[in-house]
ModelCIF file with pLDDT and N, C-alpha, C, O atoms, coordinates in Angstrom:
data_MODEL
#
_entry.id   MODEL 
#
_entity.id                         1 
_entity.type                       polymer 
_entity.pdbx_number_of_molecules   1 
#
_entity_poly.entity_id                      1 
_entity_poly.type                           'polypeptide(L)' 
_entity_poly.nstd_linkage                   no 
_entity_poly.nstd_monomer                   no 
_entity_poly.pdbx_seq_one_letter_code       
;(UNK)(UNK)(UNK)(UNK)(UNK)(UNK)(UNK)(UNK)(UNK)(UNK)(UNK)(UNK)(UNK)(UNK)(UNK)(UNK)
(UNK)(UNK)(UNK)(UNK)(UNK)(UNK)(UNK)(UNK)(UNK)(UNK)(UNK)(UNK)(UNK)(UNK)(UNK)(UNK)
(UNK)(UNK)(UNK)(UNK)(UNK)(UNK)(UNK)(UNK)
;
_entity_poly.pdbx_seq_one_letter_code_can   XXXXXXXXXXXXXXXXXXXXXXXXXXXXXXXXXXXXXXXX 
_entity_poly.pdbx_strand_id                 A 
#
loop_
_entity_poly_seq.entity_id 
_entity_poly_seq.num 
_entity_poly_seq.mon_id 
_entity_poly_seq.hetero 
1 1  UNK n 
1 2  UNK n 
1 3  UNK n 
1 4  UNK n 
1 5  UNK n 
1 6  UNK n 
1 7  UNK n 
1 8  UNK n 
1 9  UNK n 
1 10 UNK n 
1 11 UNK n 
1 12 UNK n 
1 13 UNK n 
1 14 UNK n 
1 15 UNK n 
1 16 UNK n 
1 17 UNK n 
1 18 UNK n 
1 19 UNK n 
1 20 UNK n 
1 21 UNK n 
1 22 UNK n 
1 23 UNK n 
1 24 UNK n 
1 25 UNK n 
1 26 UNK n 
1 27 UNK n 
1 28 UNK n 
1 29 UNK n 
1 30 UNK n 
1 31 UNK n 
1 32 UNK n 
1 33 UNK n 
1 34 UNK n 
1 35 UNK n 
1 36 UNK n 
1 37 UNK n 
1 38 UNK n 
1 39 UNK n 
1 40 UNK n 
#
_struct_asym.id          A 
_struct_asym.entity_id   1 
#
loop_
_ma_qa_metric.id 
_ma_qa_metric.mode 
_ma_qa_metric.name 
_ma_qa_metric.software_group_id 
_ma_qa_metric.type 
1 global pLDDT . pLDDT 
2 local  pLDDT . pLDDT 
#
_ma_qa_metric_global.metric_id      1 
_ma_qa_metric_global.metric_value   96.95 
_ma_qa_metric_global.model_id       1 
_ma_qa_metric_global.ordinal_id     1 
#
loop_
_ma_qa_metric_local.label_asym_id 
_ma_qa_metric_local.label_comp_id 
_ma_qa_metric_local.label_seq_id 
_ma_qa_metric_local.metric_id 
_ma_qa_metric_local.metric_value 
_ma_qa_metric_local.model_id 
_ma_qa_metric_local.ordinal_id 
A UNK 1  2 98.00 1 1  
A UNK 2  2 98.00 1 2  
A UNK 3  2 97.00 1 3  
A UNK 4  2 96.00 1 4  
A UNK 5  2 95.00 1 5  
A UNK 6  2 98.00 1 6  
A UNK 7  2 98.00 1 7  
A UNK 8  2 98.00 1 8  
A UNK 9  2 98.00 1 9  
A UNK 10 2 96.00 1 10 
A UNK 11 2 96.00 1 11 
A UNK 12 2 96.00 1 12 
A UNK 13 2 96.00 1 13 
A UNK 14 2 96.00 1 14 
A UNK 15 2 97.00 1 15 
A UNK 16 2 96.00 1 16 
A UNK 17 2 93.00 1 17 
A UNK 18 2 95.00 1 18 
A UNK 19 2 97.00 1 19 
A UNK 20 2 97.00 1 20 
A UNK 21 2 97.00 1 21 
A UNK 22 2 98.00 1 22 
A UNK 23 2 98.00 1 23 
A UNK 24 2 98.00 1 24 
A UNK 25 2 98.00 1 25 
A UNK 26 2 98.00 1 26 
A UNK 27 2 98.00 1 27 
A UNK 28 2 97.00 1 28 
A UNK 29 2 97.00 1 29 
A UNK 30 2 98.00 1 30 
A UNK 31 2 97.00 1 31 
A UNK 32 2 96.00 1 32 
A UNK 33 2 96.00 1 33 
A UNK 34 2 95.00 1 34 
A UNK 35 2 97.00 1 35 
A UNK 36 2 97.00 1 36 
A UNK 37 2 98.00 1 37 
A UNK 38 2 98.00 1 38 
A UNK 39 2 98.00 1 39 
A UNK 40 2 98.00 1 40 
#
loop_
_atom_site.group_PDB 
_atom_site.id 
_atom_site.type_symbol 
_atom_site.label_atom_id 
_atom_site.label_alt_id 
_atom_site.label_comp_id 
_atom_site.label_asym_id 
_atom_site.label_entity_id 
_atom_site.label_seq_id 
_atom_site.pdbx_PDB_ins_code 
_atom_site.Cartn_x 
_atom_site.Cartn_y 
_atom_site.Cartn_z 
_atom_site.occupancy 
_atom_site.B_iso_or_equiv 
_atom_site.pdbx_formal_charge 
_atom_site.auth_seq_id 
_atom_site.auth_comp_id 
_atom_site.auth_asym_id 
_atom_site.auth_atom_id 
_atom_site.pdbx_PDB_model_num 
ATOM 1   N N  . UNK A 1 1  ? 50.630 34.620 -39.871 1.00 98.00 ? 1  UNK A N  1 
ATOM 2   C CA . UNK A 1 1  ? 49.752 33.294 -40.478 1.00 98.00 ? 1  UNK A CA 1 
ATOM 3   C C  . UNK A 1 1  ? 51.626 32.062 -40.994 1.00 98.00 ? 1  UNK A C  1 
ATOM 4   O O  . UNK A 1 1  ? 51.882 31.414 -42.009 1.00 98.00 ? 1  UNK A O  1 
ATOM 5   N N  . UNK A 1 2  ? 52.332 32.265 -39.877 1.00 98.00 ? 2  UNK A N  1 
ATOM 6   C CA . UNK A 1 2  ? 53.492 31.315 -39.907 1.00 98.00 ? 2  UNK A CA 1 
ATOM 7   C C  . UNK A 1 2  ? 52.713 29.952 -39.195 1.00 98.00 ? 2  UNK A C  1 
ATOM 8   O O  . UNK A 1 2  ? 51.918 30.001 -38.257 1.00 98.00 ? 2  UNK A O  1 
ATOM 9   N N  . UNK A 1 3  ? 53.259 28.516 -40.046 1.00 97.00 ? 3  UNK A N  1 
ATOM 10  C CA . UNK A 1 3  ? 52.956 27.365 -39.471 1.00 97.00 ? 3  UNK A CA 1 
ATOM 11  C C  . UNK A 1 3  ? 54.420 26.605 -39.942 1.00 97.00 ? 3  UNK A C  1 
ATOM 12  O O  . UNK A 1 3  ? 55.069 26.589 -40.987 1.00 97.00 ? 3  UNK A O  1 
ATOM 13  N N  . UNK A 1 4  ? 54.608 25.851 -38.297 1.00 96.00 ? 4  UNK A N  1 
ATOM 14  C CA . UNK A 1 4  ? 55.071 24.677 -38.368 1.00 96.00 ? 4  UNK A CA 1 
ATOM 15  C C  . UNK A 1 4  ? 55.531 23.520 -39.423 1.00 96.00 ? 4  UNK A C  1 
ATOM 16  O O  . UNK A 1 4  ? 54.722 22.676 -39.809 1.00 96.00 ? 4  UNK A O  1 
ATOM 17  N N  . UNK A 1 5  ? 56.487 23.535 -39.730 1.00 95.00 ? 5  UNK A N  1 
ATOM 18  C CA . UNK A 1 5  ? 56.284 22.167 -40.873 1.00 95.00 ? 5  UNK A CA 1 
ATOM 19  C C  . UNK A 1 5  ? 55.590 22.914 -42.245 1.00 95.00 ? 5  UNK A C  1 
ATOM 20  O O  . UNK A 1 5  ? 55.048 22.152 -43.044 1.00 95.00 ? 5  UNK A O  1 
ATOM 21  N N  . UNK A 1 6  ? 55.588 23.964 -42.462 1.00 98.00 ? 6  UNK A N  1 
ATOM 22  C CA . UNK A 1 6  ? 54.739 24.517 -43.746 1.00 98.00 ? 6  UNK A CA 1 
ATOM 23  C C  . UNK A 1 6  ? 55.738 24.361 -44.994 1.00 98.00 ? 6  UNK A C  1 
ATOM 24  O O  . UNK A 1 6  ? 56.904 24.755 -45.039 1.00 98.00 ? 6  UNK A O  1 
ATOM 25  N N  . UNK A 1 7  ? 55.162 23.830 -45.794 1.00 98.00 ? 7  UNK A N  1 
ATOM 26  C CA . UNK A 1 7  ? 55.682 24.088 -47.852 1.00 98.00 ? 7  UNK A CA 1 
ATOM 27  C C  . UNK A 1 7  ? 54.686 24.616 -48.099 1.00 98.00 ? 7  UNK A C  1 
ATOM 28  O O  . UNK A 1 7  ? 53.608 24.717 -47.514 1.00 98.00 ? 7  UNK A O  1 
ATOM 29  N N  . UNK A 1 8  ? 55.165 25.046 -49.216 1.00 98.00 ? 8  UNK A N  1 
ATOM 30  C CA . UNK A 1 8  ? 55.030 26.444 -50.077 1.00 98.00 ? 8  UNK A CA 1 
ATOM 31  C C  . UNK A 1 8  ? 53.693 25.394 -51.091 1.00 98.00 ? 8  UNK A C  1 
ATOM 32  O O  . UNK A 1 8  ? 53.802 24.517 -51.948 1.00 98.00 ? 8  UNK A O  1 
ATOM 33  N N  . UNK A 1 9  ? 52.348 26.165 -50.326 1.00 98.00 ? 9  UNK A N  1 
ATOM 34  C CA . UNK A 1 9  ? 51.084 25.325 -50.972 1.00 98.00 ? 9  UNK A CA 1 
ATOM 35  C C  . UNK A 1 9  ? 50.664 25.947 -52.385 1.00 98.00 ? 9  UNK A C  1 
ATOM 36  O O  . UNK A 1 9  ? 51.324 26.830 -52.932 1.00 98.00 ? 9  UNK A O  1 
ATOM 37  N N  . UNK A 1 10 ? 49.417 25.357 -52.954 1.00 96.00 ? 10 UNK A N  1 
ATOM 38  C CA . UNK A 1 10 ? 49.382 25.578 -54.095 1.00 96.00 ? 10 UNK A CA 1 
ATOM 39  C C  . UNK A 1 10 ? 48.906 27.044 -53.992 1.00 96.00 ? 10 UNK A C  1 
ATOM 40  O O  . UNK A 1 10 ? 49.368 27.753 -54.886 1.00 96.00 ? 10 UNK A O  1 
ATOM 41  N N  . UNK A 1 11 ? 48.228 27.561 -53.259 1.00 96.00 ? 11 UNK A N  1 
ATOM 42  C CA . UNK A 1 11 ? 47.350 28.654 -53.345 1.00 96.00 ? 11 UNK A CA 1 
ATOM 43  C C  . UNK A 1 11 ? 47.138 29.064 -51.950 1.00 96.00 ? 11 UNK A C  1 
ATOM 44  O O  . UNK A 1 11 ? 46.883 28.334 -50.993 1.00 96.00 ? 11 UNK A O  1 
ATOM 45  N N  . UNK A 1 12 ? 47.319 30.665 -51.983 1.00 96.00 ? 12 UNK A N  1 
ATOM 46  C CA . UNK A 1 12 ? 47.108 31.369 -50.828 1.00 96.00 ? 12 UNK A CA 1 
ATOM 47  C C  . UNK A 1 12 ? 45.788 31.448 -50.194 1.00 96.00 ? 12 UNK A C  1 
ATOM 48  O O  . UNK A 1 12 ? 44.922 31.719 -51.026 1.00 96.00 ? 12 UNK A O  1 
ATOM 49  N N  . UNK A 1 13 ? 45.243 31.270 -48.733 1.00 96.00 ? 13 UNK A N  1 
ATOM 50  C CA . UNK A 1 13 ? 44.557 31.339 -47.976 1.00 96.00 ? 13 UNK A CA 1 
ATOM 51  C C  . UNK A 1 13 ? 44.195 32.849 -48.416 1.00 96.00 ? 13 UNK A C  1 
ATOM 52  O O  . UNK A 1 13 ? 45.047 33.680 -48.730 1.00 96.00 ? 13 UNK A O  1 
ATOM 53  N N  . UNK A 1 14 ? 42.701 33.094 -48.391 1.00 96.00 ? 14 UNK A N  1 
ATOM 54  C CA . UNK A 1 14 ? 42.199 33.983 -48.609 1.00 96.00 ? 14 UNK A CA 1 
ATOM 55  C C  . UNK A 1 14 ? 42.728 35.554 -47.770 1.00 96.00 ? 14 UNK A C  1 
ATOM 56  O O  . UNK A 1 14 ? 42.849 35.800 -46.570 1.00 96.00 ? 14 UNK A O  1 
ATOM 57  N N  . UNK A 1 15 ? 42.867 36.076 -48.513 1.00 97.00 ? 15 UNK A N  1 
ATOM 58  C CA . UNK A 1 15 ? 43.185 37.853 -47.661 1.00 97.00 ? 15 UNK A CA 1 
ATOM 59  C C  . UNK A 1 15 ? 42.427 38.344 -47.518 1.00 97.00 ? 15 UNK A C  1 
ATOM 60  O O  . UNK A 1 15 ? 41.606 38.308 -48.435 1.00 97.00 ? 15 UNK A O  1 
ATOM 61  N N  . UNK A 1 16 ? 42.069 39.223 -46.232 1.00 96.00 ? 16 UNK A N  1 
ATOM 62  C CA . UNK A 1 16 ? 41.399 40.201 -45.718 1.00 96.00 ? 16 UNK A CA 1 
ATOM 63  C C  . UNK A 1 16 ? 41.646 41.546 -47.084 1.00 96.00 ? 16 UNK A C  1 
ATOM 64  O O  . UNK A 1 16 ? 42.740 41.895 -47.527 1.00 96.00 ? 16 UNK A O  1 
ATOM 65  N N  . UNK A 1 17 ? 40.606 41.957 -47.405 1.00 93.00 ? 17 UNK A N  1 
ATOM 66  C CA . UNK A 1 17 ? 40.554 42.968 -48.195 1.00 93.00 ? 17 UNK A CA 1 
ATOM 67  C C  . UNK A 1 17 ? 41.202 44.379 -47.637 1.00 93.00 ? 17 UNK A C  1 
ATOM 68  O O  . UNK A 1 17 ? 41.194 45.389 -48.342 1.00 93.00 ? 17 UNK A O  1 
ATOM 69  N N  . UNK A 1 18 ? 41.692 44.363 -46.479 1.00 95.00 ? 18 UNK A N  1 
ATOM 70  C CA . UNK A 1 18 ? 42.598 45.494 -46.600 1.00 95.00 ? 18 UNK A CA 1 
ATOM 71  C C  . UNK A 1 18 ? 43.845 45.519 -46.108 1.00 95.00 ? 18 UNK A C  1 
ATOM 72  O O  . UNK A 1 18 ? 44.372 46.173 -45.208 1.00 95.00 ? 18 UNK A O  1 
ATOM 73  N N  . UNK A 1 19 ? 44.459 44.205 -47.296 1.00 97.00 ? 19 UNK A N  1 
ATOM 74  C CA . UNK A 1 19 ? 45.774 44.010 -46.255 1.00 97.00 ? 19 UNK A CA 1 
ATOM 75  C C  . UNK A 1 19 ? 46.691 45.190 -47.121 1.00 97.00 ? 19 UNK A C  1 
ATOM 76  O O  . UNK A 1 19 ? 46.416 45.595 -48.250 1.00 97.00 ? 19 UNK A O  1 
ATOM 77  N N  . UNK A 1 20 ? 47.721 45.574 -46.371 1.00 97.00 ? 20 UNK A N  1 
ATOM 78  C CA . UNK A 1 20 ? 48.356 46.163 -47.460 1.00 97.00 ? 20 UNK A CA 1 
ATOM 79  C C  . UNK A 1 20 ? 49.552 45.522 -47.713 1.00 97.00 ? 20 UNK A C  1 
ATOM 80  O O  . UNK A 1 20 ? 50.196 46.027 -48.633 1.00 97.00 ? 20 UNK A O  1 
ATOM 81  N N  . UNK A 1 21 ? 49.890 44.859 -47.340 1.00 97.00 ? 21 UNK A N  1 
ATOM 82  C CA . UNK A 1 21 ? 51.893 44.084 -46.908 1.00 97.00 ? 21 UNK A CA 1 
ATOM 83  C C  . UNK A 1 21 ? 51.538 42.734 -47.004 1.00 97.00 ? 21 UNK A C  1 
ATOM 84  O O  . UNK A 1 21 ? 50.784 42.335 -46.117 1.00 97.00 ? 21 UNK A O  1 
ATOM 85  N N  . UNK A 1 22 ? 51.934 41.825 -47.967 1.00 98.00 ? 22 UNK A N  1 
ATOM 86  C CA . UNK A 1 22 ? 51.713 40.477 -47.533 1.00 98.00 ? 22 UNK A CA 1 
ATOM 87  C C  . UNK A 1 22 ? 53.484 40.228 -47.505 1.00 98.00 ? 22 UNK A C  1 
ATOM 88  O O  . UNK A 1 22 ? 54.198 40.717 -48.381 1.00 98.00 ? 22 UNK A O  1 
ATOM 89  N N  . UNK A 1 23 ? 53.845 39.685 -46.758 1.00 98.00 ? 23 UNK A N  1 
ATOM 90  C CA . UNK A 1 23 ? 55.124 39.309 -46.442 1.00 98.00 ? 23 UNK A CA 1 
ATOM 91  C C  . UNK A 1 23 ? 55.707 37.607 -46.374 1.00 98.00 ? 23 UNK A C  1 
ATOM 92  O O  . UNK A 1 23 ? 55.743 36.916 -45.356 1.00 98.00 ? 23 UNK A O  1 
ATOM 93  N N  . UNK A 1 24 ? 56.087 37.240 -47.618 1.00 98.00 ? 24 UNK A N  1 
ATOM 94  C CA . UNK A 1 24 ? 56.162 35.754 -47.835 1.00 98.00 ? 24 UNK A CA 1 
ATOM 95  C C  . UNK A 1 24 ? 57.629 35.550 -47.815 1.00 98.00 ? 24 UNK A C  1 
ATOM 96  O O  . UNK A 1 24 ? 58.480 36.184 -48.440 1.00 98.00 ? 24 UNK A O  1 
ATOM 97  N N  . UNK A 1 25 ? 57.796 34.478 -46.925 1.00 98.00 ? 25 UNK A N  1 
ATOM 98  C CA . UNK A 1 25 ? 59.124 33.335 -46.451 1.00 98.00 ? 25 UNK A CA 1 
ATOM 99  C C  . UNK A 1 25 ? 58.895 32.074 -46.164 1.00 98.00 ? 25 UNK A C  1 
ATOM 100 O O  . UNK A 1 25 ? 58.610 31.620 -45.056 1.00 98.00 ? 25 UNK A O  1 
ATOM 101 N N  . UNK A 1 26 ? 59.072 31.243 -47.607 1.00 98.00 ? 26 UNK A N  1 
ATOM 102 C CA . UNK A 1 26 ? 58.841 30.176 -47.708 1.00 98.00 ? 26 UNK A CA 1 
ATOM 103 C C  . UNK A 1 26 ? 59.747 29.124 -48.744 1.00 98.00 ? 26 UNK A C  1 
ATOM 104 O O  . UNK A 1 26 ? 60.152 29.466 -49.855 1.00 98.00 ? 26 UNK A O  1 
ATOM 105 N N  . UNK A 1 27 ? 59.940 27.941 -48.200 1.00 98.00 ? 27 UNK A N  1 
ATOM 106 C CA . UNK A 1 27 ? 61.005 27.127 -49.171 1.00 98.00 ? 27 UNK A CA 1 
ATOM 107 C C  . UNK A 1 27 ? 61.870 26.783 -48.532 1.00 98.00 ? 27 UNK A C  1 
ATOM 108 O O  . UNK A 1 27 ? 62.755 26.324 -49.253 1.00 98.00 ? 27 UNK A O  1 
ATOM 109 N N  . UNK A 1 28 ? 62.256 26.732 -46.902 1.00 97.00 ? 28 UNK A N  1 
ATOM 110 C CA . UNK A 1 28 ? 63.126 25.900 -46.312 1.00 97.00 ? 28 UNK A CA 1 
ATOM 111 C C  . UNK A 1 28 ? 62.808 24.440 -46.157 1.00 97.00 ? 28 UNK A C  1 
ATOM 112 O O  . UNK A 1 28 ? 63.715 23.611 -46.082 1.00 97.00 ? 28 UNK A O  1 
ATOM 113 N N  . UNK A 1 29 ? 61.109 23.996 -46.089 1.00 97.00 ? 29 UNK A N  1 
ATOM 114 C CA . UNK A 1 29 ? 60.784 22.926 -45.707 1.00 97.00 ? 29 UNK A CA 1 
ATOM 115 C C  . UNK A 1 29 ? 60.358 22.074 -46.847 1.00 97.00 ? 29 UNK A C  1 
ATOM 116 O O  . UNK A 1 29 ? 60.006 20.897 -46.761 1.00 97.00 ? 29 UNK A O  1 
ATOM 117 N N  . UNK A 1 30 ? 60.450 23.029 -48.272 1.00 98.00 ? 30 UNK A N  1 
ATOM 118 C CA . UNK A 1 30 ? 60.672 22.217 -49.774 1.00 98.00 ? 30 UNK A CA 1 
ATOM 119 C C  . UNK A 1 30 ? 61.651 21.895 -49.406 1.00 98.00 ? 30 UNK A C  1 
ATOM 120 O O  . UNK A 1 30 ? 61.577 20.727 -49.025 1.00 98.00 ? 30 UNK A O  1 
ATOM 121 N N  . UNK A 1 31 ? 62.670 22.328 -49.286 1.00 97.00 ? 31 UNK A N  1 
ATOM 122 C CA . UNK A 1 31 ? 64.483 22.011 -49.305 1.00 97.00 ? 31 UNK A CA 1 
ATOM 123 C C  . UNK A 1 31 ? 64.421 20.632 -49.109 1.00 97.00 ? 31 UNK A C  1 
ATOM 124 O O  . UNK A 1 31 ? 64.766 19.739 -49.882 1.00 97.00 ? 31 UNK A O  1 
ATOM 125 N N  . UNK A 1 32 ? 63.732 20.521 -47.497 1.00 96.00 ? 32 UNK A N  1 
ATOM 126 C CA . UNK A 1 32 ? 64.715 19.522 -46.811 1.00 96.00 ? 32 UNK A CA 1 
ATOM 127 C C  . UNK A 1 32 ? 63.956 18.385 -46.456 1.00 96.00 ? 32 UNK A C  1 
ATOM 128 O O  . UNK A 1 32 ? 64.126 17.405 -45.732 1.00 96.00 ? 32 UNK A O  1 
ATOM 129 N N  . UNK A 1 33 ? 62.635 19.032 -47.546 1.00 96.00 ? 33 UNK A N  1 
ATOM 130 C CA . UNK A 1 33 ? 61.888 17.354 -48.024 1.00 96.00 ? 33 UNK A CA 1 
ATOM 131 C C  . UNK A 1 33 ? 62.525 16.766 -49.235 1.00 96.00 ? 33 UNK A C  1 
ATOM 132 O O  . UNK A 1 33 ? 61.949 15.855 -49.830 1.00 96.00 ? 33 UNK A O  1 
ATOM 133 N N  . UNK A 1 34 ? 63.691 17.231 -49.648 1.00 95.00 ? 34 UNK A N  1 
ATOM 134 C CA . UNK A 1 34 ? 64.310 16.917 -50.957 1.00 95.00 ? 34 UNK A CA 1 
ATOM 135 C C  . UNK A 1 34 ? 63.934 17.208 -52.322 1.00 95.00 ? 34 UNK A C  1 
ATOM 136 O O  . UNK A 1 34 ? 64.312 16.537 -53.282 1.00 95.00 ? 34 UNK A O  1 
ATOM 137 N N  . UNK A 1 35 ? 62.792 18.750 -52.425 1.00 97.00 ? 35 UNK A N  1 
ATOM 138 C CA . UNK A 1 35 ? 62.959 19.609 -53.724 1.00 97.00 ? 35 UNK A CA 1 
ATOM 139 C C  . UNK A 1 35 ? 63.905 20.434 -53.537 1.00 97.00 ? 35 UNK A C  1 
ATOM 140 O O  . UNK A 1 35 ? 64.187 20.917 -52.440 1.00 97.00 ? 35 UNK A O  1 
ATOM 141 N N  . UNK A 1 36 ? 64.775 20.787 -55.136 1.00 97.00 ? 36 UNK A N  1 
ATOM 142 C CA . UNK A 1 36 ? 65.460 21.120 -55.590 1.00 97.00 ? 36 UNK A CA 1 
ATOM 143 C C  . UNK A 1 36 ? 65.200 22.471 -55.370 1.00 97.00 ? 36 UNK A C  1 
ATOM 144 O O  . UNK A 1 36 ? 64.011 22.649 -55.109 1.00 97.00 ? 36 UNK A O  1 
ATOM 145 N N  . UNK A 1 37 ? 66.074 23.804 -55.379 1.00 98.00 ? 37 UNK A N  1 
ATOM 146 C CA . UNK A 1 37 ? 65.889 25.107 -55.106 1.00 98.00 ? 37 UNK A CA 1 
ATOM 147 C C  . UNK A 1 37 ? 64.710 25.602 -56.856 1.00 98.00 ? 37 UNK A C  1 
ATOM 148 O O  . UNK A 1 37 ? 63.964 26.581 -56.878 1.00 98.00 ? 37 UNK A O  1 
ATOM 149 N N  . UNK A 1 38 ? 64.827 24.978 -57.618 1.00 98.00 ? 38 UNK A N  1 
ATOM 150 C CA . UNK A 1 38 ? 64.412 25.696 -58.814 1.00 98.00 ? 38 UNK A CA 1 
ATOM 151 C C  . UNK A 1 38 ? 63.107 25.291 -59.018 1.00 98.00 ? 38 UNK A C  1 
ATOM 152 O O  . UNK A 1 38 ? 62.307 26.007 -59.620 1.00 98.00 ? 38 UNK A O  1 
ATOM 153 N N  . UNK A 1 39 ? 62.729 23.865 -58.429 1.00 98.00 ? 39 UNK A N  1 
ATOM 154 C CA . UNK A 1 39 ? 61.020 23.278 -58.438 1.00 98.00 ? 39 UNK A CA 1 
ATOM 155 C C  . UNK A 1 39 ? 60.651 24.121 -56.859 1.00 98.00 ? 39 UNK A C  1 
ATOM 156 O O  . UNK A 1 39 ? 59.477 24.470 -56.729 1.00 98.00 ? 39 UNK A O  1 
ATOM 157 N N  . UNK A 1 40 ? 61.354 24.351 -56.019 1.00 98.00 ? 40 UNK A N  1 
ATOM 158 C CA . UNK A 1 40 ? 60.763 25.072 -55.020 1.00 98.00 ? 40 UNK A CA 1 
ATOM 159 C C  . UNK A 1 40 ? 60.512 26.485 -55.870 1.00 98.00 ? 40 UNK A C  1 
ATOM 160 O O  . UNK A 1 40 ? 59.977 27.449 -55.322 1.00 98.00 ? 40 UNK A O  1 
#
């Protein structure tokens, strides 16, 4: 569920009910767009 240019969204899209593990890695684009680490 990766997407080019994605910043941290306000909410997660609906997850399938059988999800055993959600791996999240975000924040790089937020920093590149000028957000500080604490804000991100």
